[in-house]
Amino acid sequence: MHEQLPVGVFDSGLGGLSVLAEIRQLLPNESLVYVADSAHVPYGEKTAEQIIERSILLSGFLLD
């Protein structure tokens, strides 16, 4: 038997809640965990390397 784990979602905090709402609408029975990375807002001004670094860090946080 597989453990039921939530789906993790993160973003810089700008617009992420609207994306989360869409995911909830598409997957109404799914457990979701949302992280707003507002300390590093906005992602659009970051380099690819910075976004990769944040993504790895936040993914690790969600997996823990």
C-alpha atoms as a PDB file:
ATOM      1  CA  MET A   1       0.000   0.000   0.000  1.00  0.00           C
ATOM      2  CA  HIS A   2       1.284   3.478  -0.897  1.00  0.00           C
ATOM      3  CA  GLU A   3       1.155   6.324   1.568  1.00  0.00           C
ATOM      4  CA  GLN A   4      -1.055   9.185   0.354  1.00  0.00           C
ATOM      5  CA  LEU A   5       1.119  12.286   0.226  1.00  0.00           C
ATOM      6  CA  PRO A   6       0.011  15.819  -0.628  1.00  0.00           C
ATOM      7  CA  VAL A   7       1.008  17.645  -3.777  1.00  0.00           C
ATOM      8  CA  GLY A   8       3.467  20.446  -3.050  1.00  0.00           C
ATOM      9  CA  VAL A   9       3.175  23.792  -4.822  1.00  0.00           C
ATOM     10  CA  PHE A  10       5.484  26.784  -4.437  1.00  0.00           C
ATOM     11  CA  ASP A  11       6.093  30.113  -6.092  1.00  0.00           C
ATOM     12  CA  SER A  12       7.345  33.583  -5.269  1.00  0.00           C
ATOM     13  CA  GLY A  13       3.980  34.513  -3.819  1.00  0.00           C
ATOM     14  CA  LEU A  14       2.778  36.615  -6.755  1.00  0.00           C
ATOM     15  CA  GLY A  15      -0.132  34.889  -8.437  1.00  0.00           C
ATOM     16  CA  GLY A  16       0.511  31.573  -6.755  1.00  0.00           C
ATOM     17  CA  LEU A  17      -2.789  31.486  -4.921  1.00  0.00           C
ATOM     18  CA  SER A  18      -4.696  31.767  -8.205  1.00  0.00           C
ATOM     19  CA  VAL A  19      -2.666  28.853  -9.582  1.00  0.00           C
ATOM     20  CA  LEU A  20      -3.367  26.900  -6.392  1.00  0.00           C
ATOM     21  CA  ALA A  21      -7.096  27.612  -6.809  1.00  0.00           C
ATOM     22  CA  GLU A  22      -6.980  26.200 -10.349  1.00  0.00           C
ATOM     23  CA  ILE A  23      -5.185  23.080  -9.129  1.00  0.00           C
ATOM     24  CA  ARG A  24      -7.837  22.656  -6.409  1.00  0.00           C
ATOM     25  CA  GLN A  25     -10.553  22.954  -9.030  1.00  0.00           C
ATOM     26  CA  LEU A  26      -8.889  20.335 -11.242  1.00  0.00           C
ATOM     27  CA  LEU A  27      -7.994  18.016  -8.342  1.00  0.00           C
ATOM     28  CA  PRO A  28     -10.702  18.610  -5.717  1.00  0.00           C
ATOM     29  CA  ASN A  29      -9.885  15.471  -3.717  1.00  0.00           C
ATOM     30  CA  GLU A  30      -6.135  16.037  -3.617  1.00  0.00           C
ATOM     31  CA  SER A  31      -4.329  17.296  -0.526  1.00  0.00           C
ATOM     32  CA  LEU A  32      -2.196  20.317  -1.372  1.00  0.00           C
ATOM     33  CA  VAL A  33       0.621  22.089   0.455  1.00  0.00           C
ATOM     34  CA  TYR A  34       1.454  25.637  -0.682  1.00  0.00           C
ATOM     35  CA  VAL A  35       4.629  27.581   0.055  1.00  0.00           C
ATOM     36  CA  ALA A  36       4.812  31.280  -0.825  1.00  0.00           C
ATOM     37  CA  ASP A  37       8.479  32.167  -1.199  1.00  0.00           C
ATOM     38  CA  SER A  38       7.761  35.846  -0.618  1.00  0.00           C
ATOM     39  CA  ALA A  39      11.259  36.508   0.738  1.00  0.00           C
ATOM     40  CA  HIS A  40      12.570  36.045  -2.818  1.00  0.00           C
ATOM     41  CA  VAL A  41       9.874  37.826  -4.806  1.00  0.00           C
ATOM     42  CA  PRO A  42       9.687  38.208  -7.808  1.00  0.00           C
ATOM     43  CA  TYR A  43      11.123  35.176  -9.567  1.00  0.00           C
ATOM     44  CA  GLY A  44      10.923  36.971 -12.913  1.00  0.00           C
ATOM     45  CA  GLU A  45      13.914  39.128 -11.982  1.00  0.00           C
ATOM     46  CA  LYS A  46      16.066  36.165 -10.904  1.00  0.00           C
ATOM     47  CA  THR A  47      18.653  34.337 -12.983  1.00  0.00           C
ATOM     48  CA  ALA A  48      18.045  30.751 -14.042  1.00  0.00           C
ATOM     49  CA  GLU A  49      20.646  29.656 -11.497  1.00  0.00           C
ATOM     50  CA  GLN A  50      18.859  31.491  -8.675  1.00  0.00           C
ATOM     51  CA  ILE A  51      15.530  29.922  -9.610  1.00  0.00           C
ATOM     52  CA  ILE A  52      17.074  26.456  -9.761  1.00  0.00           C
ATOM     53  CA  GLU A  53      18.649  27.015  -6.333  1.00  0.00           C
ATOM     54  CA  ARG A  54      15.306  28.134  -4.820  1.00  0.00           C
ATOM     55  CA  SER A  55      13.479  25.251  -6.509  1.00  0.00           C
ATOM     56  CA  ILE A  56      15.871  22.676  -5.066  1.00  0.00           C
ATOM     57  CA  LEU A  57      15.665  24.231  -1.604  1.00  0.00           C
ATOM     58  CA  LEU A  58      11.859  24.485  -1.579  1.00  0.00           C
ATOM     59  CA  SER A  59      11.403  21.020  -3.074  1.00  0.00           C
ATOM     60  CA  GLY A  60      13.568  19.640  -0.273  1.00  0.00           C
ATOM     61  CA  PHE A  61      11.464  21.519   2.268  1.00  0.00           C
ATOM     62  CA  LEU A  62       8.256  20.071   0.813  1.00  0.00           C
ATOM     63  CA  LEU A  63       9.686  16.555   0.747  1.00  0.00           C
ATOM     64  CA  ASP A  64      10.748  16.756   4.393  1.00  0.00           C
END
